[in-house]
PDB file of N, CA and C in Angstrom:
ATOM      1  N   MET A   1      98.777  75.927 129.402  1.00  0.00           N
ATOM      2  CA  MET A   1      98.509  76.883 128.347  1.00  0.00           C
ATOM      3  C   MET A   1      97.161  76.516 127.712  1.00  0.00           C
ATOM      4  N   ASP A   2      96.238  77.482 127.682  1.00  0.00           N
ATOM      5  CA  ASP A   2      94.935  77.194 127.083  1.00  0.00           C
ATOM      6  C   ASP A   2      94.934  77.608 125.606  1.00  0.00           C
ATOM      7  N   GLN A   3      93.804  77.385 124.938  1.00  0.00           N
ATOM      8  CA  GLN A   3      93.736  77.635 123.503  1.00  0.00           C
ATOM      9  C   GLN A   3      93.911  79.111 123.151  1.00  0.00           C
ATOM     10  N   PHE A   4      93.520  80.024 124.050  1.00  0.00           N
ATOM     11  CA  PHE A   4      93.689  81.445 123.770  1.00  0.00           C
ATOM     12  C   PHE A   4      95.159  81.850 123.865  1.00  0.00           C
ATOM     13  N   ASP A   5      95.889  81.255 124.790  1.00  0.00           N
ATOM     14  CA  ASP A   5      97.334  81.492 124.880  1.00  0.00           C
ATOM     15  C   ASP A   5      98.021  81.009 123.609  1.00  0.00           C
ATOM     16  N   ILE A   6      97.608  79.857 123.119  1.00  0.00           N
ATOM     17  CA  ILE A   6      98.183  79.307 121.886  1.00  0.00           C
ATOM     18  C   ILE A   6      97.863  80.222 120.709  1.00  0.00           C
ATOM     19  N   PHE A   7      96.627  80.688 120.621  1.00  0.00           N
ATOM     20  CA  PHE A   7      96.209  81.609 119.567  1.00  0.00           C
ATOM     21  C   PHE A   7      97.104  82.851 119.585  1.00  0.00           C
ATOM     22  N   ASN A   8      97.261  83.463 120.754  1.00  0.00           N
ATOM     23  CA  ASN A   8      98.066  84.682 120.878  1.00  0.00           C
ATOM     24  C   ASN A   8      99.530  84.431 120.555  1.00  0.00           C
ATOM     25  N   ARG A   9     100.063  83.305 120.992  1.00  0.00           N
ATOM     26  CA  ARG A   9     101.464  82.966 120.710  1.00  0.00           C
ATOM     27  C   ARG A   9     101.695  82.840 119.213  1.00  0.00           C
ATOM     28  N   GLU A  10     100.794  82.161 118.528  1.00  0.00           N
ATOM     29  CA  GLU A  10     100.948  81.958 117.085  1.00  0.00           C
ATOM     30  C   GLU A  10     100.864  83.271 116.314  1.00  0.00           C
ATOM     31  N   VAL A  11      99.896  84.112 116.652  1.00  0.00           N
ATOM     32  CA  VAL A  11      99.754  85.391 115.955  1.00  0.00           C
ATOM     33  C   VAL A  11     100.961  86.285 116.230  1.00  0.00           C
ATOM     34  N   ALA A  12     101.404  86.339 117.467  1.00  0.00           N
ATOM     35  CA  ALA A  12     102.586  87.143 117.812  1.00  0.00           C
ATOM     36  C   ALA A  12     103.805  86.668 117.024  1.00  0.00           C
ATOM     37  N   GLY A  13     103.957  85.364 116.895  1.00  0.00           N
ATOM     38  CA  GLY A  13     105.074  84.804 116.137  1.00  0.00           C
ATOM     39  C   GLY A  13     105.009  85.175 114.664  1.00  0.00           C
ATOM     40  N   LEU A  14     103.835  85.107 114.079  1.00  0.00           N
ATOM     41  CA  LEU A  14     103.678  85.494 112.673  1.00  0.00           C
ATOM     42  C   LEU A  14     104.067  86.952 112.465  1.00  0.00           C
ATOM     43  N   ILE A  15     103.583  87.807 113.325  1.00  0.00           N
ATOM     44  CA  ILE A  15     103.850  89.242 113.187  1.00  0.00           C
ATOM     45  C   ILE A  15     105.323  89.549 113.438  1.00  0.00           C
ATOM     46  N   ARG A  16     105.906  88.901 114.429  1.00  0.00           N
ATOM     47  CA  ARG A  16     107.331  89.091 114.736  1.00  0.00           C
ATOM     48  C   ARG A  16     108.208  88.636 113.562  1.00  0.00           C
ATOM     49  N   ASN A  17     107.815  87.559 112.888  1.00  0.00           N
ATOM     50  CA  ASN A  17     108.612  87.021 111.785  1.00  0.00           C
ATOM     51  C   ASN A  17     108.420  87.758 110.469  1.00  0.00           C
ATOM     52  N   GLU A  18     107.436  88.627 110.393  1.00  0.00           N
ATOM     53  CA  GLU A  18     107.155  89.389 109.168  1.00  0.00           C
ATOM     54  C   GLU A  18     107.082  90.892 109.470  1.00  0.00           C
ATOM     55  N   PRO A  19     108.169  91.488 109.990  1.00  0.00           N
ATOM     56  CA  PRO A  19     108.102  92.901 110.395  1.00  0.00           C
ATOM     57  C   PRO A  19     107.864  93.876 109.239  1.00  0.00           C
ATOM     58  N   ARG A  20     108.120  93.443 108.019  1.00  0.00           N
ATOM     59  CA  ARG A  20     107.927  94.331 106.868  1.00  0.00           C
ATOM     60  C   ARG A  20     106.553  94.171 106.212  1.00  0.00           C
ATOM     61  N   ASN A  21     105.770  93.225 106.684  1.00  0.00           N
ATOM     62  CA  ASN A  21     104.436  93.016 106.119  1.00  0.00           C
ATOM     63  C   ASN A  21     103.493  94.072 106.703  1.00  0.00           C
ATOM     64  N   ALA A  22     103.126  95.026 105.865  1.00  0.00           N
ATOM     65  CA  ALA A  22     102.323  96.168 106.333  1.00  0.00           C
ATOM     66  C   ALA A  22     100.974  95.745 106.900  1.00  0.00           C
ATOM     67  N   ARG A  23     100.352  94.738 106.312  1.00  0.00           N
ATOM     68  CA  ARG A  23      99.030  94.334 106.803  1.00  0.00           C
ATOM     69  C   ARG A  23      99.126  93.610 108.141  1.00  0.00           C
ATOM     70  N   MET A  24     100.213  92.878 108.362  1.00  0.00           N
ATOM     71  CA  MET A  24     100.400  92.274 109.688  1.00  0.00           C
ATOM     72  C   MET A  24     100.646  93.349 110.731  1.00  0.00           C
ATOM     73  N   GLN A  25     101.309  94.407 110.327  1.00  0.00           N
ATOM     74  CA  GLN A  25     101.558  95.503 111.257  1.00  0.00           C
ATOM     75  C   GLN A  25     100.265  96.251 111.595  1.00  0.00           C
ATOM     76  N   VAL A  26      99.278  96.205 110.700  1.00  0.00           N
ATOM     77  CA  VAL A  26      97.963  96.774 111.003  1.00  0.00           C
ATOM     78  C   VAL A  26      97.367  96.033 112.198  1.00  0.00           C
ATOM     79  N   ILE A  27      97.512  94.711 112.210  1.00  0.00           N
ATOM     80  CA  ILE A  27      96.990  93.906 113.321  1.00  0.00           C
ATOM     81  C   ILE A  27      97.703  94.289 114.618  1.00  0.00           C
ATOM     82  N   ARG A  28      99.012  94.438 114.568  1.00  0.00           N
ATOM     83  CA  ARG A  28      99.775  94.829 115.764  1.00  0.00           C
ATOM     84  C   ARG A  28      99.362  96.217 116.233  1.00  0.00           C
ATOM     85  N   ARG A  29      99.251  97.160 115.305  1.00  0.00           N
ATOM     86  CA  ARG A  29      98.848  98.526 115.666  1.00  0.00           C
ATOM     87  C   ARG A  29      97.455  98.554 116.274  1.00  0.00           C
ATOM     88  N   TYR A  30      96.553  97.753 115.720  1.00  0.00           N
ATOM     89  CA  TYR A  30      95.196  97.715 116.267  1.00  0.00           C
ATOM     90  C   TYR A  30      95.219  97.157 117.686  1.00  0.00           C
ATOM     91  N   ARG A  31      95.979  96.099 117.908  1.00  0.00           N
ATOM     92  CA  ARG A  31      96.097  95.537 119.258  1.00  0.00           C
ATOM     93  C   ARG A  31      96.643  96.585 120.213  1.00  0.00           C
ATOM     94  N   ASP A  32      97.669  97.310 119.798  1.00  0.00           N
ATOM     95  CA  ASP A  32      98.254  98.355 120.637  1.00  0.00           C
ATOM     96  C   ASP A  32      97.240  99.463 120.935  1.00  0.00           C
ATOM     97  N   SER A  33      96.362  99.748 119.973  1.00  0.00           N
ATOM     98  CA  SER A  33      95.378 100.821 120.166  1.00  0.00           C
ATOM     99  C   SER A  33      94.306 100.441 121.187  1.00  0.00           C
ATOM    100  N   LEU A  34      94.166  99.147 121.458  1.00  0.00           N
ATOM    101  CA  LEU A  34      93.166  98.696 122.434  1.00  0.00           C
ATOM    102  C   LEU A  34      93.598  98.945 123.871  1.00  0.00           C
ATOM    103  N   GLY A  35      94.879  99.232 124.055  1.00  0.00           N
ATOM    104  CA  GLY A  35      95.371  99.540 125.392  1.00  0.00           C
ATOM    105  C   GLY A  35      96.054  98.366 126.058  1.00  0.00           C
ATOM    106  N   LYS A  36      96.588  98.657 127.224  1.00  0.00           N
ATOM    107  CA  LYS A  36      97.333  97.665 127.990  1.00  0.00           C
ATOM    108  C   LYS A  36      96.429  96.478 128.341  1.00  0.00           C
ATOM    109  N   GLY A  37      96.969  95.302 128.211  1.00  0.00           N
ATOM    110  CA  GLY A  37      96.223  94.096 128.545  1.00  0.00           C
ATOM    111  C   GLY A  37      95.504  93.462 127.371  1.00  0.00           C
ATOM    112  N   ALA A  38      95.393  94.174 126.248  1.00  0.00           N
ATOM    113  CA  ALA A  38      94.732  93.596 125.074  1.00  0.00           C
ATOM    114  C   ALA A  38      95.673  92.593 124.427  1.00  0.00           C
ATOM    115  N   ASP A  39      95.113  91.525 123.911  1.00  0.00           N
ATOM    116  CA  ASP A  39      95.944  90.521 123.253  1.00  0.00           C
ATOM    117  C   ASP A  39      95.521  90.403 121.789  1.00  0.00           C
ATOM    118  N   TYR A  40      96.207  89.530 121.060  1.00  0.00           N
ATOM    119  CA  TYR A  40      95.907  89.389 119.640  1.00  0.00           C
ATOM    120  C   TYR A  40      94.534  88.771 119.394  1.00  0.00           C
ATOM    121  N   PHE A  41      94.073  87.916 120.275  1.00  0.00           N
ATOM    122  CA  PHE A  41      92.729  87.355 120.112  1.00  0.00           C
ATOM    123  C   PHE A  41      91.707  88.490 120.146  1.00  0.00           C
ATOM    124  N   ASP A  42      91.817  89.370 121.157  1.00  0.00           N
ATOM    125  CA  ASP A  42      90.920  90.525 121.245  1.00  0.00           C
ATOM    126  C   ASP A  42      91.008  91.388 119.978  1.00  0.00           C
ATOM    127  N   ALA A  43      92.235  91.620 119.527  1.00  0.00           N
ATOM    128  CA  ALA A  43      92.446  92.475 118.362  1.00  0.00           C
ATOM    129  C   ALA A  43      91.820  91.875 117.109  1.00  0.00           C
ATOM    130  N   LEU A  44      92.041  90.587 116.887  1.00  0.00           N
ATOM    131  CA  LEU A  44      91.496  89.972 115.680  1.00  0.00           C
ATOM    132  C   LEU A  44      89.976  89.876 115.711  1.00  0.00           C
ATOM    133  N   MET A  45      89.416  89.672 116.892  1.00  0.00           N
ATOM    134  CA  MET A  45      87.958  89.659 116.990  1.00  0.00           C
ATOM    135  C   MET A  45      87.406  91.066 116.726  1.00  0.00           C
ATOM    136  N   GLY A  46      88.097  92.091 117.235  1.00  0.00           N
ATOM    137  CA  GLY A  46      87.677  93.476 116.997  1.00  0.00           C
ATOM    138  C   GLY A  46      87.792  93.869 115.540  1.00  0.00           C
ATOM    139  N   ILE A  47      88.899  93.507 114.910  1.00  0.00           N
ATOM    140  CA  ILE A  47      89.074  93.800 113.485  1.00  0.00           C
ATOM    141  C   ILE A  47      87.982  93.106 112.685  1.00  0.00           C
ATOM    142  N   GLY A  48      87.758  91.830 112.994  1.00  0.00           N
ATOM    143  CA  GLY A  48      86.723  91.084 112.285  1.00  0.00           C
ATOM    144  C   GLY A  48      85.354  91.715 112.433  1.00  0.00           C
ATOM    145  N   ASN A  49      85.017  92.110 113.639  1.00  0.00           N
ATOM    146  CA  ASN A  49      83.731  92.759 113.894  1.00  0.00           C
ATOM    147  C   ASN A  49      83.607  94.047 113.084  1.00  0.00           C
ATOM    148  N   HIS A  50      84.678  94.799 113.050  1.00  0.00           N
ATOM    149  CA  HIS A  50      84.715  96.062 112.301  1.00  0.00           C
ATOM    150  C   HIS A  50      84.520  95.825 110.800  1.00  0.00           C
ATOM    151  N   LEU A  51      85.033  94.694 110.299  1.00  0.00           N
ATOM    152  CA  LEU A  51      84.979  94.401 108.864  1.00  0.00           C
ATOM    153  C   LEU A  51      83.757  93.579 108.443  1.00  0.00           C
ATOM    154  N   GLY A  52      82.957  93.153 109.411  1.00  0.00           N
ATOM    155  CA  GLY A  52      81.823  92.305 109.074  1.00  0.00           C
ATOM    156  C   GLY A  52      82.191  90.842 108.958  1.00  0.00           C
ATOM    157  N   LEU A  53      83.199  90.432 109.727  1.00  0.00           N
ATOM    158  CA  LEU A  53      83.662  89.042 109.733  1.00  0.00           C
ATOM    159  C   LEU A  53      83.608  88.520 111.161  1.00  0.00           C
ATOM    160  N   GLU A  54      83.314  87.240 111.301  1.00  0.00           N
ATOM    161  CA  GLU A  54      83.302  86.638 112.627  1.00  0.00           C
ATOM    162  C   GLU A  54      83.948  85.263 112.542  1.00  0.00           C
ATOM    163  N   LEU A  55      84.960  85.037 113.345  1.00  0.00           N
ATOM    164  CA  LEU A  55      85.652  83.754 113.401  1.00  0.00           C
ATOM    165  C   LEU A  55      84.910  82.852 114.373  1.00  0.00           C
ATOM    166  N   VAL A  56      84.520  81.666 113.912  1.00  0.00           N
ATOM    167  CA  VAL A  56      83.775  80.733 114.758  1.00  0.00           C
ATOM    168  C   VAL A  56      84.345  79.322 114.617  1.00  0.00           C
ATOM    169  N   CYS A  57      84.066  78.518 115.621  1.00  0.00           N
ATOM    170  CA  CYS A  57      84.389  77.090 115.599  1.00  0.00           C
ATOM    171  C   CYS A  57      83.066  76.344 115.554  1.00  0.00           C
ATOM    172  N   THR A  58      82.862  75.569 114.526  1.00  0.00           N
ATOM    173  CA  THR A  58      81.611  74.855 114.351  1.00  0.00           C
ATOM    174  C   THR A  58      81.833  73.364 114.613  1.00  0.00           C
ATOM    175  N   GLU A  59      81.013  72.816 115.496  1.00  0.00           N
ATOM    176  CA  GLU A  59      81.133  71.392 115.791  1.00  0.00           C
ATOM    177  C   GLU A  59      80.503  70.585 114.653  1.00  0.00           C
ATOM    178  N   VAL A  60      81.208  69.535 114.241  1.00  0.00           N
ATOM    179  CA  VAL A  60      80.768  68.685 113.145  1.00  0.00           C
ATOM    180  C   VAL A  60      80.321  67.340 113.715  1.00  0.00           C
ATOM    181  N   PHE A  61      79.151  66.899 113.263  1.00  0.00           N
ATOM    182  CA  PHE A  61      78.609  65.618 113.729  1.00  0.00           C
ATOM    183  C   PHE A  61      78.473  64.651 112.555  1.00  0.00           C
ATOM    184  N   LYS A  62      78.693  63.388 112.849  1.00  0.00           N
ATOM    185  CA  LYS A  62      78.463  62.319 111.880  1.00  0.00           C
ATOM    186  C   LYS A  62      77.735  61.202 112.609  1.00  0.00           C
ATOM    187  N   ARG A  63      76.542  60.889 112.129  1.00  0.00           N
ATOM    188  CA  ARG A  63      75.699  59.872 112.771  1.00  0.00           C
ATOM    189  C   ARG A  63      75.490  60.166 114.256  1.00  0.00           C
ATOM    190  N   GLY A  64      75.301  61.421 114.573  1.00  0.00           N
ATOM    191  CA  GLY A  64      75.017  61.820 115.947  1.00  0.00           C
ATOM    192  C   GLY A  64      76.218  61.916 116.862  1.00  0.00           C
ATOM    193  N   ARG A  65      77.399  61.642 116.354  1.00  0.00           N
ATOM    194  CA  ARG A  65      78.612  61.695 117.183  1.00  0.00           C
ATOM    195  C   ARG A  65      79.514  62.844 116.726  1.00  0.00           C
ATOM    196  N   SER A  66      80.046  63.554 117.688  1.00  0.00           N
ATOM    197  CA  SER A  66      80.932  64.683 117.377  1.00  0.00           C
ATOM    198  C   SER A  66      82.215  64.180 116.724  1.00  0.00           C
ATOM    199  N   GLN A  67      82.556  64.811 115.616  1.00  0.00           N
ATOM    200  CA  GLN A  67      83.801  64.495 114.914  1.00  0.00           C
ATOM    201  C   GLN A  67      84.899  65.502 115.237  1.00  0.00           C
ATOM    202  N   GLY A  68      84.511  66.596 115.874  1.00  0.00           N
ATOM    203  CA  GLY A  68      85.455  67.657 116.201  1.00  0.00           C
ATOM    204  C   GLY A  68      84.920  69.005 115.734  1.00  0.00           C
ATOM    205  N   TYR A  69      85.822  69.950 115.562  1.00  0.00           N
ATOM    206  CA  TYR A  69      85.450  71.327 115.217  1.00  0.00           C
ATOM    207  C   TYR A  69      86.184  71.779 113.970  1.00  0.00           C
ATOM    208  N   ILE A  70      85.497  72.571 113.154  1.00  0.00           N
ATOM    209  CA  ILE A  70      86.133  73.192 111.998  1.00  0.00           C
ATOM    210  C   ILE A  70      86.080  74.707 112.153  1.00  0.00           C
ATOM    211  N   PRO A  71      87.149  75.394 111.742  1.00  0.00           N
ATOM    212  CA  PRO A  71      87.149  76.861 111.809  1.00  0.00           C
ATOM    213  C   PRO A  71      86.450  77.450 110.586  1.00  0.00           C
ATOM    214  N   GLN A  72      85.622  78.444 110.845  1.00  0.00           N
ATOM    215  CA  GLN A  72      84.913  79.122 109.772  1.00  0.00           C
ATOM    216  C   GLN A  72      84.889  80.625 110.025  1.00  0.00           C
ATOM    217  N   VAL A  73      84.751  81.370 108.940  1.00  0.00           N
ATOM    218  CA  VAL A  73      84.579  82.817 109.036  1.00  0.00           C
ATOM    219  C   VAL A  73      83.175  83.126 108.520  1.00  0.00           C
ATOM    220  N   ILE A  74      82.359  83.728 109.384  1.00  0.00           N
ATOM    221  CA  ILE A  74      81.024  84.180 108.989  1.00  0.00           C
ATOM    222  C   ILE A  74      81.198  85.532 108.298  1.00  0.00           C
ATOM    223  N   LEU A  75      80.702  85.628 107.084  1.00  0.00           N
ATOM    224  CA  LEU A  75      80.819  86.848 106.289  1.00  0.00           C
ATOM    225  C   LEU A  75      79.483  87.582 106.302  1.00  0.00           C
ATOM    226  N   ARG A  76      79.525  88.845 106.669  1.00  0.00           N
ATOM    227  CA  ARG A  76      78.318  89.658 106.656  1.00  0.00           C
ATOM    228  C   ARG A  76      78.254  90.440 105.336  1.00  0.00           C
ATOM    229  N   GLU A  77      77.056  90.807 104.944  1.00  0.00           N
ATOM    230  CA  GLU A  77      76.854  91.593 103.725  1.00  0.00           C
ATOM    231  C   GLU A  77      77.750  92.834 103.767  1.00  0.00           C
ATOM    232  N   GLY A  78      78.446  93.111 102.656  1.00  0.00           N
ATOM    233  CA  GLY A  78      79.313  94.283 102.563  1.00  0.00           C
ATOM    234  C   GLY A  78      80.723  94.073 103.089  1.00  0.00           C
ATOM    235  N   ASN A  79      81.078  92.856 103.458  1.00  0.00           N
ATOM    236  CA  ASN A  79      82.428  92.591 103.968  1.00  0.00           C
ATOM    237  C   ASN A  79      83.463  92.836 102.867  1.00  0.00           C
ATOM    238  N   PRO A  80      84.711  93.152 103.220  1.00  0.00           N
ATOM    239  CA  PRO A  80      85.715  93.442 102.209  1.00  0.00           C
ATOM    240  C   PRO A  80      86.271  92.211 101.504  1.00  0.00           C
ATOM    241  N   TYR A  81      85.923  91.015 101.976  1.00  0.00           N
ATOM    242  CA  TYR A  81      86.431  89.793 101.348  1.00  0.00           C
ATOM    243  C   TYR A  81      85.750  89.563 100.000  1.00  0.00           C
ATOM    244  N   ASN A  82      84.430  89.517  99.998  1.00  0.00           N
ATOM    245  CA  ASN A  82      83.710  89.347  98.737  1.00  0.00           C
ATOM    246  C   ASN A  82      82.404  90.145  98.679  1.00  0.00           C
ATOM    247  N   GLY A  83      82.084  90.854  99.753  1.00  0.00           N
ATOM    248  CA  GLY A  83      80.896  91.695  99.787  1.00  0.00           C
ATOM    249  C   GLY A  83      79.587  90.974 100.037  1.00  0.00           C
ATOM    250  N   LYS A  84      79.621  89.645 100.039  1.00  0.00           N
ATOM    251  CA  LYS A  84      78.395  88.870 100.176  1.00  0.00           C
ATOM    252  C   LYS A  84      78.321  88.183 101.536  1.00  0.00           C
ATOM    253  N   ALA A  85      77.116  88.013 102.028  1.00  0.00           N
ATOM    254  CA  ALA A  85      76.918  87.263 103.264  1.00  0.00           C
ATOM    255  C   ALA A  85      77.125  85.783 102.970  1.00  0.00           C
ATOM    256  N   GLY A  86      77.706  85.076 103.938  1.00  0.00           N
ATOM    257  CA  GLY A  86      77.923  83.646 103.751  1.00  0.00           C
ATOM    258  C   GLY A  86      78.894  83.102 104.784  1.00  0.00           C
ATOM    259  N   VAL A  87      79.418  81.931 104.481  1.00  0.00           N
ATOM    260  CA  VAL A  87      80.359  81.261 105.377  1.00  0.00           C
ATOM    261  C   VAL A  87      81.578  80.829 104.562  1.00  0.00           C
ATOM    262  N   HIS A  88      82.754  81.165 105.065  1.00  0.00           N
ATOM    263  CA  HIS A  88      84.010  80.722 104.460  1.00  0.00           C
ATOM    264  C   HIS A  88      84.607  79.674 105.396  1.00  0.00           C
ATOM    265  N   THR A  89      84.678  78.444 104.950  1.00  0.00           N
ATOM    266  CA  THR A  89      85.258  77.372 105.760  1.00  0.00           C
ATOM    267  C   THR A  89      86.761  77.370 105.568  1.00  0.00           C
ATOM    268  N   ILE A  90      87.493  77.529 106.659  1.00  0.00           N
ATOM    269  CA  ILE A  90      88.950  77.582 106.608  1.00  0.00           C
ATOM    270  C   ILE A  90      89.535  76.200 106.351  1.00  0.00           C
ATOM    271  N   ASN A  91      88.927  75.182 106.941  1.00  0.00           N
ATOM    272  CA  ASN A  91      89.448  73.829 106.827  1.00  0.00           C
ATOM    273  C   ASN A  91      88.288  72.846 106.981  1.00  0.00           C
ATOM    274  N   GLN A  92      88.194  71.869 106.105  1.00  0.00           N
ATOM    275  CA  GLN A  92      87.117  70.882 106.158  1.00  0.00           C
ATOM    276  C   GLN A  92      87.391  69.764 107.163  1.00  0.00           C
ATOM    277  N   CYS A  93      88.640  69.574 107.527  1.00  0.00           N
ATOM    278  CA  CYS A  93      89.023  68.472 108.418  1.00  0.00           C
ATOM    279  C   CYS A  93      88.797  68.873 109.883  1.00  0.00           C
ATOM    280  N   PRO A  94      87.914  68.163 110.594  1.00  0.00           N
ATOM    281  CA  PRO A  94      87.639  68.528 111.989  1.00  0.00           C
ATOM    282  C   PRO A  94      88.835  68.303 112.915  1.00  0.00           C
ATOM    283  N   HIS A  95      89.015  69.224 113.832  1.00  0.00           N
ATOM    284  CA  HIS A  95      90.042  69.113 114.866  1.00  0.00           C
ATOM    285  C   HIS A  95      89.375  68.604 116.137  1.00  0.00           C
ATOM    286  N   LYS A  96      89.914  67.577 116.723  1.00  0.00           N
ATOM    287  CA  LYS A  96      89.319  67.004 117.939  1.00  0.00           C
ATOM    288  C   LYS A  96      89.723  67.776 119.191  1.00  0.00           C
ATOM    289  N   ARG A  97      90.916  68.370 119.172  1.00  0.00           N
ATOM    290  CA  ARG A  97      91.396  69.111 120.342  1.00  0.00           C
ATOM    291  C   ARG A  97      91.335  70.604 120.072  1.00  0.00           C
ATOM    292  N   MET A  98      90.811  71.350 121.045  1.00  0.00           N
ATOM    293  CA  MET A  98      90.686  72.804 120.893  1.00  0.00           C
ATOM    294  C   MET A  98      92.054  73.467 120.729  1.00  0.00           C
ATOM    295  N   LYS A  99      93.054  72.953 121.388  1.00  0.00           N
ATOM    296  CA  LYS A  99      94.386  73.565 121.281  1.00  0.00           C
ATOM    297  C   LYS A  99      94.920  73.470 119.862  1.00  0.00           C
ATOM    298  N   THR A 100      94.757  72.323 119.213  1.00  0.00           N
ATOM    299  CA  THR A 100      95.236  72.207 117.832  1.00  0.00           C
ATOM    300  C   THR A 100      94.372  73.035 116.887  1.00  0.00           C
ATOM    301  N   LEU A 101      93.091  73.117 117.182  1.00  0.00           N
ATOM    302  CA  LEU A 101      92.198  73.956 116.380  1.00  0.00           C
ATOM    303  C   LEU A 101      92.628  75.416 116.445  1.00  0.00           C
ATOM    304  N   TYR A 102      92.838  75.938 117.636  1.00  0.00           N
ATOM    305  CA  TYR A 102      93.214  77.343 117.793  1.00  0.00           C
ATOM    306  C   TYR A 102      94.603  77.629 117.232  1.00  0.00           C
ATOM    307  N   ASP A 103      95.494  76.666 117.312  1.00  0.00           N
ATOM    308  CA  ASP A 103      96.830  76.799 116.728  1.00  0.00           C
ATOM    309  C   ASP A 103      96.704  77.001 115.217  1.00  0.00           C
ATOM    310  N   TYR A 104      95.969  76.139 114.576  1.00  0.00           N
ATOM    311  CA  TYR A 104      95.780  76.216 113.128  1.00  0.00           C
ATOM    312  C   TYR A 104      94.944  77.442 112.737  1.00  0.00           C
ATOM    313  N   MET A 105      93.845  77.631 113.436  1.00  0.00           N
ATOM    314  CA  MET A 105      92.890  78.684 113.120  1.00  0.00           C
ATOM    315  C   MET A 105      93.516  80.076 113.229  1.00  0.00           C
ATOM    316  N   SER A 106      94.367  80.290 114.218  1.00  0.00           N
ATOM    317  CA  SER A 106      94.975  81.606 114.408  1.00  0.00           C
ATOM    318  C   SER A 106      95.782  82.017 113.185  1.00  0.00           C
ATOM    319  N   ARG A 107      96.621  81.108 112.708  1.00  0.00           N
ATOM    320  CA  ARG A 107      97.455  81.415 111.540  1.00  0.00           C
ATOM    321  C   ARG A 107      96.612  81.629 110.289  1.00  0.00           C
ATOM    322  N   GLN A 108      95.635  80.762 110.081  1.00  0.00           N
ATOM    323  CA  GLN A 108      94.817  80.860 108.877  1.00  0.00           C
ATOM    324  C   GLN A 108      93.958  82.131 108.863  1.00  0.00           C
ATOM    325  N   TYR A 109      93.495  82.555 110.032  1.00  0.00           N
ATOM    326  CA  TYR A 109      92.691  83.782 110.095  1.00  0.00           C
ATOM    327  C   TYR A 109      93.560  85.006 109.805  1.00  0.00           C
ATOM    328  N   VAL A 110      94.784  85.004 110.290  1.00  0.00           N
ATOM    329  CA  VAL A 110      95.700  86.105 109.963  1.00  0.00           C
ATOM    330  C   VAL A 110      95.928  86.143 108.455  1.00  0.00           C
ATOM    331  N   TYR A 111      96.196  85.002 107.840  1.00  0.00           N
ATOM    332  CA  TYR A 111      96.394  84.959 106.387  1.00  0.00           C
ATOM    333  C   TYR A 111      95.141  85.438 105.654  1.00  0.00           C
ATOM    334  N   PHE A 112      93.980  85.060 106.153  1.00  0.00           N
ATOM    335  CA  PHE A 112      92.715  85.492 105.566  1.00  0.00           C
ATOM    336  C   PHE A 112      92.605  87.020 105.616  1.00  0.00           C
ATOM    337  N   LEU A 113      92.916  87.603 106.770  1.00  0.00           N
ATOM    338  CA  LEU A 113      92.805  89.062 106.924  1.00  0.00           C
ATOM    339  C   LEU A 113      93.828  89.813 106.090  1.00  0.00           C
ATOM    340  N   ILE A 114      95.050  89.321 106.024  1.00  0.00           N
ATOM    341  CA  ILE A 114      96.075  90.075 105.288  1.00  0.00           C
ATOM    342  C   ILE A 114      95.900  89.964 103.776  1.00  0.00           C
ATOM    343  N   ASP A 115      95.001  89.102 103.327  1.00  0.00           N
ATOM    344  CA  ASP A 115      94.657  89.060 101.905  1.00  0.00           C
ATOM    345  C   ASP A 115      93.742  90.220 101.515  1.00  0.00           C
ATOM    346  N   ILE A 116      93.195  90.905 102.496  1.00  0.00           N
ATOM    347  CA  ILE A 116      92.312  92.043 102.222  1.00  0.00           C
ATOM    348  C   ILE A 116      93.197  93.260 101.930  1.00  0.00           C
ATOM    349  N   ARG A 117      93.213  93.667 100.690  1.00  0.00           N
ATOM    350  CA  ARG A 117      94.125  94.744 100.254  1.00  0.00           C
ATOM    351  C   ARG A 117      93.862  96.074 100.942  1.00  0.00           C
ATOM    352  N   THR A 118      92.622  96.317 101.314  1.00  0.00           N
ATOM    353  CA  THR A 118      92.248  97.592 101.928  1.00  0.00           C
ATOM    354  C   THR A 118      92.164  97.484 103.445  1.00  0.00           C
ATOM    355  N   LEU A 119      92.879  96.540 104.030  1.00  0.00           N
ATOM    356  CA  LEU A 119      92.771  96.289 105.476  1.00  0.00           C
ATOM    357  C   LEU A 119      93.053  97.549 106.295  1.00  0.00           C
ATOM    358  N   GLU A 120      94.158  98.215 106.024  1.00  0.00           N
ATOM    359  CA  GLU A 120      94.512  99.401 106.818  1.00  0.00           C
ATOM    360  C   GLU A 120      93.454 100.493 106.696  1.00  0.00           C
ATOM    361  N   GLU A 121      93.000 100.740 105.492  1.00  0.00           N
ATOM    362  CA  GLU A 121      91.984 101.776 105.275  1.00  0.00           C
ATOM    363  C   GLU A 121      90.692 101.439 106.024  1.00  0.00           C
ATOM    364  N   ARG A 122      90.301 100.191 105.992  1.00  0.00           N
ATOM    365  CA  ARG A 122      89.047  99.779 106.622  1.00  0.00           C
ATOM    366  C   ARG A 122      89.143  99.749 108.143  1.00  0.00           C
ATOM    367  N   VAL A 123      90.329  99.435 108.662  1.00  0.00           N
ATOM    368  CA  VAL A 123      90.498  99.360 110.123  1.00  0.00           C
ATOM    369  C   VAL A 123      90.713 100.747 110.725  1.00  0.00           C
ATOM    370  N   PHE A 124      91.567 101.546 110.082  1.00  0.00           N
ATOM    371  CA  PHE A 124      91.931 102.851 110.643  1.00  0.00           C
ATOM    372  C   PHE A 124      91.328 104.038 109.890  1.00  0.00           C
ATOM    373  N   GLY A 125      90.667 103.774 108.769  1.00  0.00           N
ATOM    374  CA  GLY A 125      90.061 104.871 108.008  1.00  0.00           C
ATOM    375  C   GLY A 125      91.095 105.772 107.380  1.00  0.00           C
ATOM    376  N   GLU A 126      92.268 105.227 107.082  1.00  0.00           N
ATOM    377  CA  GLU A 126      93.353 106.042 106.485  1.00  0.00           C
ATOM    378  C   GLU A 126      93.363 105.911 104.989  1.00  0.00           C
TER     379      GLU A 126
END
C-alpha cells in the first residue's frame, strides 16, 4: 500500500463515519462528479485548486540534513480560508515516513476544508 492508497483510505473512512456532515458529503459528491476511477486524492486536489488552496509536503532540513516532511497548505489570494496569500502549516513536527505523513495529512486537510462554511457554494456554485 503506497501513500496515496493510505490517503484515500483515511478520507473514505472519515466520510463513511460522518454521513450527516454536509461538508464531508461535498467532498464525496465532488469525487463522484469526476467520474469512474477518480479517488479522494484527486478530488481533494481538485477542490483545493478550485478554492485557491494547494496541499504540499515540504522537506525540512537542519544543519544540512533532512529531518522529514511537514504538511502545508499554500493559500492563494482570495481563498475562502482567510482571503490572503500565504502558507498554513498543518503540523510543525516533521514526518520521516511518507506513509505516516499522508495518513496524518489526509485527515487534517479534510478538517481544514470542512471548516470552510461556504464549501458547497464555492465548489458547486449552489
